[in-house]
Amino acid sequence: MASKQELQVAQKREVEKKEETTIPARIFMPNADIYETKDGLNVVLEMPGVDKNSVDVRVEDKVLKIDGKLDFSKYQGLQPLYTEYNVGHFSRSFRLSDTIDQGKIAAELRDGVLSLRLPFAEKAKPRAIQVSG
């Protein structure tokens, strides 16, 4: 018999701003899952309401930076009666090791979920070493 587990709602974490911004909106850290496969890492981030043309993924100085901008025009004129969903932009960064081939990182956004594939560099993949003698 399966044990009964109570589901818990994870609260959005707001990004602590280190500098002033010109964007008058809240910025949240998207929830992320990271999976390792034999070929690399898969990173999955929740970015609800963000259009693929409003996602910026870049690598600079071994840091993978992801920003998602929300189109606030969709919310203009709405008079919410009750809300649990905080609206804002998304931002998250990951420091990459040398085992990741930074030139082959790929991203796809579908239904508010951003999936990133971070392939291992050839030098980091396991290989057999022939023994001479």
N, C-alpha and C. Protein backbone atom coordinates (compact mmCIF):
# COMPACT_ATOMS: atom_id res chain seq x y z
N MET A 1 0.84 -1.18 0.00
CA MET A 1 0.00 0.00 0.00
C MET A 1 0.88 1.24 0.00
N ALA A 2 0.61 2.13 -0.93
CA ALA A 2 1.40 3.36 -1.04
C ALA A 2 1.12 4.27 0.14
N SER A 3 2.17 4.94 0.59
CA SER A 3 1.97 5.88 1.69
C SER A 3 1.33 7.16 1.17
N LYS A 4 0.55 7.76 2.01
CA LYS A 4 -0.13 8.99 1.63
C LYS A 4 0.80 10.16 1.93
N GLN A 5 1.09 10.93 0.89
CA GLN A 5 2.00 12.05 1.06
C GLN A 5 1.25 13.33 0.78
N GLU A 6 1.38 14.27 1.65
CA GLU A 6 0.70 15.54 1.49
C GLU A 6 1.50 16.43 0.55
N LEU A 7 0.82 17.01 -0.41
CA LEU A 7 1.48 17.91 -1.35
C LEU A 7 1.67 19.27 -0.71
N GLN A 8 2.80 19.87 -0.99
CA GLN A 8 3.07 21.20 -0.46
C GLN A 8 3.31 22.16 -1.62
N VAL A 9 2.82 23.34 -1.49
CA VAL A 9 3.01 24.36 -2.51
C VAL A 9 4.32 25.08 -2.22
N ALA A 10 5.19 25.10 -3.23
CA ALA A 10 6.45 25.82 -3.09
C ALA A 10 6.21 27.30 -3.37
N GLN A 11 6.67 28.13 -2.50
CA GLN A 11 6.51 29.58 -2.69
C GLN A 11 7.56 30.09 -3.67
N LYS A 12 7.18 31.05 -4.46
CA LYS A 12 8.14 31.67 -5.36
C LYS A 12 9.15 32.46 -4.54
N ARG A 13 10.40 32.36 -4.97
CA ARG A 13 11.46 33.12 -4.31
C ARG A 13 11.78 34.33 -5.17
N GLU A 14 11.73 35.49 -4.57
CA GLU A 14 12.05 36.71 -5.30
C GLU A 14 13.56 36.89 -5.31
N VAL A 15 14.09 37.32 -6.44
CA VAL A 15 15.52 37.54 -6.59
C VAL A 15 15.91 38.78 -5.80
N GLU A 16 16.97 38.63 -5.01
CA GLU A 16 17.47 39.78 -4.28
C GLU A 16 18.27 40.64 -5.25
N LYS A 17 17.86 41.87 -5.37
CA LYS A 17 18.52 42.77 -6.31
C LYS A 17 19.79 43.33 -5.67
N LYS A 18 20.88 43.24 -6.43
CA LYS A 18 22.14 43.77 -5.95
C LYS A 18 22.35 45.19 -6.43
N GLU A 19 21.57 45.58 -7.43
CA GLU A 19 21.69 46.94 -7.94
C GLU A 19 20.29 47.43 -8.34
N GLU A 20 20.17 48.70 -8.53
CA GLU A 20 18.91 49.28 -8.95
C GLU A 20 18.62 48.88 -10.39
N THR A 21 17.36 48.71 -10.70
CA THR A 21 16.99 48.39 -12.07
C THR A 21 16.01 49.43 -12.60
N THR A 22 15.89 49.45 -13.91
CA THR A 22 14.93 50.35 -14.53
C THR A 22 13.62 49.64 -14.83
N ILE A 23 13.54 48.36 -14.43
CA ILE A 23 12.33 47.57 -14.67
C ILE A 23 11.44 47.65 -13.44
N PRO A 24 10.25 48.24 -13.58
CA PRO A 24 9.38 48.37 -12.41
C PRO A 24 8.56 47.10 -12.18
N ALA A 25 9.23 45.98 -11.95
CA ALA A 25 8.51 44.72 -11.75
C ALA A 25 9.32 43.84 -10.81
N ARG A 26 8.64 42.90 -10.22
CA ARG A 26 9.31 41.94 -9.37
C ARG A 26 10.02 40.91 -10.25
N ILE A 27 11.11 40.38 -9.75
CA ILE A 27 11.87 39.36 -10.48
C ILE A 27 11.96 38.13 -9.58
N PHE A 28 11.50 36.98 -10.10
CA PHE A 28 11.49 35.75 -9.33
C PHE A 28 12.55 34.78 -9.84
N MET A 29 13.01 33.92 -8.93
CA MET A 29 13.93 32.86 -9.30
C MET A 29 13.08 31.65 -9.68
N PRO A 30 13.14 31.22 -10.96
CA PRO A 30 12.30 30.09 -11.34
C PRO A 30 12.75 28.79 -10.66
N ASN A 31 11.77 27.96 -10.30
CA ASN A 31 12.11 26.65 -9.76
C ASN A 31 12.82 25.85 -10.83
N ALA A 32 13.78 25.03 -10.42
CA ALA A 32 14.57 24.28 -11.39
C ALA A 32 14.80 22.86 -10.92
N ASP A 33 14.83 21.94 -11.87
CA ASP A 33 15.27 20.56 -11.64
C ASP A 33 16.44 20.32 -12.58
N ILE A 34 17.43 19.58 -12.10
CA ILE A 34 18.61 19.25 -12.91
C ILE A 34 18.76 17.73 -12.91
N TYR A 35 18.85 17.16 -14.13
CA TYR A 35 19.02 15.72 -14.29
C TYR A 35 20.31 15.45 -15.04
N GLU A 36 21.02 14.40 -14.62
CA GLU A 36 22.22 14.00 -15.33
C GLU A 36 21.92 12.77 -16.18
N THR A 37 22.37 12.81 -17.42
CA THR A 37 22.28 11.66 -18.31
C THR A 37 23.69 11.26 -18.69
N LYS A 38 23.83 10.21 -19.51
CA LYS A 38 25.19 9.81 -19.92
C LYS A 38 25.82 10.85 -20.84
N ASP A 39 25.00 11.71 -21.48
CA ASP A 39 25.52 12.71 -22.41
C ASP A 39 25.67 14.11 -21.83
N GLY A 40 25.08 14.37 -20.66
CA GLY A 40 25.17 15.71 -20.11
C GLY A 40 24.15 15.96 -19.03
N LEU A 41 23.81 17.23 -18.87
CA LEU A 41 22.83 17.64 -17.87
C LEU A 41 21.60 18.21 -18.56
N ASN A 42 20.44 17.96 -17.99
CA ASN A 42 19.19 18.58 -18.43
C ASN A 42 18.70 19.46 -17.30
N VAL A 43 18.44 20.71 -17.61
CA VAL A 43 17.93 21.66 -16.63
C VAL A 43 16.53 22.07 -17.06
N VAL A 44 15.58 21.96 -16.14
CA VAL A 44 14.18 22.30 -16.42
C VAL A 44 13.77 23.42 -15.47
N LEU A 45 13.26 24.52 -16.03
CA LEU A 45 12.86 25.67 -15.22
C LEU A 45 11.43 26.06 -15.53
N GLU A 46 10.69 26.42 -14.50
CA GLU A 46 9.32 26.89 -14.67
C GLU A 46 9.33 28.39 -14.93
N MET A 47 8.74 28.80 -16.04
CA MET A 47 8.65 30.22 -16.38
C MET A 47 7.26 30.50 -16.96
N PRO A 48 6.20 30.31 -16.15
CA PRO A 48 4.85 30.48 -16.68
C PRO A 48 4.57 31.88 -17.18
N GLY A 49 3.90 31.95 -18.31
CA GLY A 49 3.51 33.23 -18.88
C GLY A 49 4.55 33.89 -19.74
N VAL A 50 5.74 33.28 -19.84
CA VAL A 50 6.83 33.88 -20.62
C VAL A 50 6.79 33.31 -22.03
N ASP A 51 6.86 34.18 -23.03
CA ASP A 51 6.91 33.80 -24.44
C ASP A 51 8.35 33.46 -24.83
N LYS A 52 8.51 32.54 -25.79
CA LYS A 52 9.88 32.13 -26.18
C LYS A 52 10.71 33.29 -26.71
N ASN A 53 10.06 34.30 -27.29
CA ASN A 53 10.80 35.46 -27.79
C ASN A 53 11.24 36.40 -26.67
N SER A 54 10.78 36.14 -25.47
CA SER A 54 11.13 36.98 -24.32
C SER A 54 12.09 36.28 -23.37
N VAL A 55 12.68 35.17 -23.83
CA VAL A 55 13.65 34.45 -23.01
C VAL A 55 15.04 34.73 -23.55
N ASP A 56 15.95 35.05 -22.65
CA ASP A 56 17.34 35.30 -23.01
C ASP A 56 18.21 34.29 -22.26
N VAL A 57 18.89 33.44 -23.01
CA VAL A 57 19.80 32.44 -22.44
C VAL A 57 21.18 32.74 -22.99
N ARG A 58 22.14 32.95 -22.09
CA ARG A 58 23.50 33.24 -22.57
C ARG A 58 24.53 32.71 -21.60
N VAL A 59 25.74 32.50 -22.13
CA VAL A 59 26.86 32.05 -21.32
C VAL A 59 27.93 33.11 -21.40
N GLU A 60 28.38 33.53 -20.23
CA GLU A 60 29.45 34.53 -20.19
C GLU A 60 30.33 34.23 -18.98
N ASP A 61 31.61 34.11 -19.21
CA ASP A 61 32.57 33.80 -18.14
C ASP A 61 32.16 32.58 -17.34
N LYS A 62 31.77 31.52 -18.05
CA LYS A 62 31.38 30.24 -17.45
C LYS A 62 30.12 30.32 -16.60
N VAL A 63 29.32 31.35 -16.80
CA VAL A 63 28.05 31.48 -16.09
C VAL A 63 26.91 31.42 -17.10
N LEU A 64 25.98 30.47 -16.87
CA LEU A 64 24.78 30.36 -17.69
C LEU A 64 23.72 31.25 -17.06
N LYS A 65 23.28 32.26 -17.81
CA LYS A 65 22.33 33.25 -17.30
C LYS A 65 21.04 33.11 -18.09
N ILE A 66 19.93 32.99 -17.37
CA ILE A 66 18.61 32.85 -17.99
C ILE A 66 17.72 33.97 -17.48
N ASP A 67 17.14 34.73 -18.41
CA ASP A 67 16.19 35.78 -18.06
C ASP A 67 14.92 35.58 -18.87
N GLY A 68 13.80 35.71 -18.23
CA GLY A 68 12.50 35.63 -18.90
C GLY A 68 11.67 36.84 -18.55
N LYS A 69 11.25 37.56 -19.58
CA LYS A 69 10.45 38.78 -19.37
C LYS A 69 8.98 38.48 -19.64
N LEU A 70 8.15 38.93 -18.75
CA LEU A 70 6.71 38.73 -18.87
C LEU A 70 6.08 39.91 -19.60
N ASP A 71 5.09 39.65 -20.41
CA ASP A 71 4.34 40.71 -21.10
C ASP A 71 3.19 41.14 -20.18
N PHE A 72 3.38 42.27 -19.52
CA PHE A 72 2.38 42.72 -18.54
C PHE A 72 1.11 43.25 -19.20
N SER A 73 1.14 43.46 -20.52
CA SER A 73 -0.06 43.99 -21.18
C SER A 73 -1.23 42.99 -21.09
N LYS A 74 -0.91 41.69 -20.91
CA LYS A 74 -1.96 40.68 -20.76
C LYS A 74 -2.76 40.87 -19.48
N TYR A 75 -2.19 41.57 -18.51
CA TYR A 75 -2.83 41.72 -17.21
C TYR A 75 -3.48 43.09 -17.02
N GLN A 76 -3.29 43.99 -17.99
CA GLN A 76 -3.87 45.33 -17.85
C GLN A 76 -5.38 45.27 -17.95
N GLY A 77 -6.04 46.00 -17.09
CA GLY A 77 -7.48 46.07 -17.10
C GLY A 77 -8.16 44.96 -16.32
N LEU A 78 -7.39 43.99 -15.85
CA LEU A 78 -8.00 42.90 -15.08
C LEU A 78 -8.20 43.36 -13.63
N GLN A 79 -9.30 42.98 -13.06
CA GLN A 79 -9.58 43.28 -11.65
C GLN A 79 -9.65 41.96 -10.90
N PRO A 80 -8.52 41.48 -10.38
CA PRO A 80 -8.53 40.18 -9.71
C PRO A 80 -9.39 40.18 -8.46
N LEU A 81 -10.16 39.11 -8.29
CA LEU A 81 -10.96 38.93 -7.09
C LEU A 81 -10.16 38.19 -6.02
N TYR A 82 -9.27 37.32 -6.49
CA TYR A 82 -8.44 36.53 -5.58
C TYR A 82 -7.23 36.05 -6.38
N THR A 83 -6.05 36.19 -5.83
CA THR A 83 -4.86 35.73 -6.54
C THR A 83 -3.91 35.02 -5.59
N GLU A 84 -3.29 33.99 -6.06
CA GLU A 84 -2.21 33.30 -5.35
C GLU A 84 -0.94 33.32 -6.19
N TYR A 85 -1.09 33.75 -7.42
CA TYR A 85 0.00 33.70 -8.37
C TYR A 85 0.64 35.08 -8.49
N ASN A 86 1.85 35.22 -7.99
CA ASN A 86 2.55 36.49 -8.13
C ASN A 86 3.11 36.62 -9.54
N VAL A 87 2.93 37.76 -10.12
CA VAL A 87 3.35 38.00 -11.50
C VAL A 87 4.65 38.78 -11.50
N GLY A 88 5.58 38.35 -12.36
CA GLY A 88 6.85 39.06 -12.47
C GLY A 88 7.76 38.40 -13.47
N HIS A 89 8.92 38.97 -13.66
CA HIS A 89 9.92 38.41 -14.56
C HIS A 89 10.66 37.28 -13.83
N PHE A 90 11.51 36.55 -14.59
CA PHE A 90 12.28 35.45 -14.02
C PHE A 90 13.76 35.65 -14.33
N SER A 91 14.60 35.23 -13.40
CA SER A 91 16.04 35.31 -13.63
C SER A 91 16.76 34.26 -12.77
N ARG A 92 17.72 33.58 -13.39
CA ARG A 92 18.50 32.59 -12.64
C ARG A 92 19.83 32.39 -13.35
N SER A 93 20.86 32.08 -12.57
CA SER A 93 22.21 31.86 -13.11
C SER A 93 22.80 30.58 -12.52
N PHE A 94 23.62 29.92 -13.34
CA PHE A 94 24.32 28.72 -12.90
C PHE A 94 25.78 28.84 -13.34
N ARG A 95 26.70 28.56 -12.43
CA ARG A 95 28.13 28.52 -12.80
C ARG A 95 28.41 27.16 -13.41
N LEU A 96 29.05 27.15 -14.58
CA LEU A 96 29.31 25.92 -15.31
C LEU A 96 30.72 25.42 -15.05
N SER A 97 30.86 24.12 -15.00
CA SER A 97 32.20 23.54 -14.87
C SER A 97 32.77 23.32 -16.26
N ASP A 98 34.03 22.94 -16.32
CA ASP A 98 34.69 22.67 -17.61
C ASP A 98 34.19 21.39 -18.26
N THR A 99 33.40 20.60 -17.55
CA THR A 99 32.89 19.36 -18.12
C THR A 99 31.75 19.62 -19.10
N ILE A 100 31.19 20.83 -19.13
CA ILE A 100 30.10 21.17 -20.03
C ILE A 100 30.64 21.81 -21.30
N ASP A 101 30.17 21.35 -22.46
CA ASP A 101 30.53 21.95 -23.74
C ASP A 101 29.64 23.18 -23.94
N GLN A 102 30.14 24.34 -23.58
CA GLN A 102 29.34 25.57 -23.57
C GLN A 102 28.85 25.98 -24.95
N GLY A 103 29.55 25.55 -26.00
CA GLY A 103 29.16 25.89 -27.36
C GLY A 103 27.99 25.08 -27.89
N LYS A 104 27.60 24.05 -27.18
CA LYS A 104 26.52 23.18 -27.66
C LYS A 104 25.29 23.18 -26.75
N ILE A 105 25.16 24.17 -25.90
CA ILE A 105 23.99 24.25 -25.03
C ILE A 105 22.77 24.60 -25.89
N ALA A 106 21.67 23.87 -25.66
CA ALA A 106 20.44 24.11 -26.43
C ALA A 106 19.29 24.36 -25.46
N ALA A 107 18.31 25.16 -25.92
CA ALA A 107 17.17 25.51 -25.07
C ALA A 107 15.87 25.40 -25.86
N GLU A 108 14.81 25.03 -25.13
CA GLU A 108 13.48 24.94 -25.74
C GLU A 108 12.46 25.36 -24.68
N LEU A 109 11.51 26.20 -25.09
CA LEU A 109 10.44 26.63 -24.18
C LEU A 109 9.12 26.09 -24.70
N ARG A 110 8.42 25.36 -23.83
CA ARG A 110 7.13 24.80 -24.21
C ARG A 110 6.20 24.86 -23.00
N ASP A 111 5.05 25.47 -23.19
CA ASP A 111 4.02 25.55 -22.15
C ASP A 111 4.55 26.09 -20.83
N GLY A 112 5.40 27.12 -20.89
CA GLY A 112 5.90 27.75 -19.68
C GLY A 112 7.03 27.01 -18.99
N VAL A 113 7.56 25.98 -19.65
CA VAL A 113 8.67 25.21 -19.08
C VAL A 113 9.87 25.34 -20.02
N LEU A 114 10.97 25.86 -19.49
CA LEU A 114 12.20 26.01 -20.27
C LEU A 114 13.09 24.79 -20.00
N SER A 115 13.46 24.08 -21.08
CA SER A 115 14.33 22.91 -20.97
C SER A 115 15.66 23.24 -21.62
N LEU A 116 16.73 23.03 -20.87
CA LEU A 116 18.08 23.28 -21.37
C LEU A 116 18.85 21.97 -21.40
N ARG A 117 19.56 21.74 -22.49
CA ARG A 117 20.44 20.58 -22.59
C ARG A 117 21.89 21.08 -22.55
N LEU A 118 22.62 20.60 -21.58
CA LEU A 118 24.02 21.00 -21.40
C LEU A 118 24.89 19.77 -21.63
N PRO A 119 25.38 19.56 -22.85
CA PRO A 119 26.15 18.35 -23.15
C PRO A 119 27.54 18.38 -22.49
N PHE A 120 27.99 17.18 -22.13
CA PHE A 120 29.35 17.07 -21.60
C PHE A 120 30.35 17.32 -22.71
N ALA A 121 31.45 17.94 -22.38
CA ALA A 121 32.55 18.11 -23.33
C ALA A 121 33.15 16.75 -23.61
N GLU A 122 33.65 16.56 -24.82
CA GLU A 122 34.24 15.27 -25.19
C GLU A 122 35.32 14.85 -24.21
N LYS A 123 36.12 15.81 -23.75
CA LYS A 123 37.21 15.47 -22.82
C LYS A 123 36.69 14.99 -21.48
N ALA A 124 35.42 15.30 -21.16
CA ALA A 124 34.86 14.90 -19.87
C ALA A 124 34.11 13.58 -19.94
N LYS A 125 33.85 13.08 -21.16
CA LYS A 125 33.11 11.82 -21.29
C LYS A 125 34.01 10.65 -20.94
N PRO A 126 33.43 9.63 -20.34
CA PRO A 126 34.23 8.46 -20.00
C PRO A 126 34.76 7.77 -21.27
N ARG A 127 35.94 7.27 -21.21
CA ARG A 127 36.51 6.57 -22.36
C ARG A 127 37.39 5.43 -21.85
N ALA A 128 37.51 4.44 -22.69
CA ALA A 128 38.36 3.31 -22.35
C ALA A 128 39.80 3.62 -22.75
N ILE A 129 40.72 3.25 -21.94
CA ILE A 129 42.14 3.45 -22.23
C ILE A 129 42.78 2.09 -22.46
N GLN A 130 43.39 2.00 -23.64
CA GLN A 130 44.02 0.72 -23.99
C GLN A 130 45.31 0.55 -23.20
N VAL A 131 45.47 -0.64 -22.70
CA VAL A 131 46.66 -0.95 -21.92
C VAL A 131 47.67 -1.63 -22.82
N SER A 132 48.88 -1.10 -22.85
CA SER A 132 49.93 -1.71 -23.68
C SER A 132 50.84 -2.53 -22.78
N GLY A 133 51.59 -3.38 -23.38
CA GLY A 133 52.49 -4.15 -22.55
C GLY A 133 53.24 -5.20 -23.28
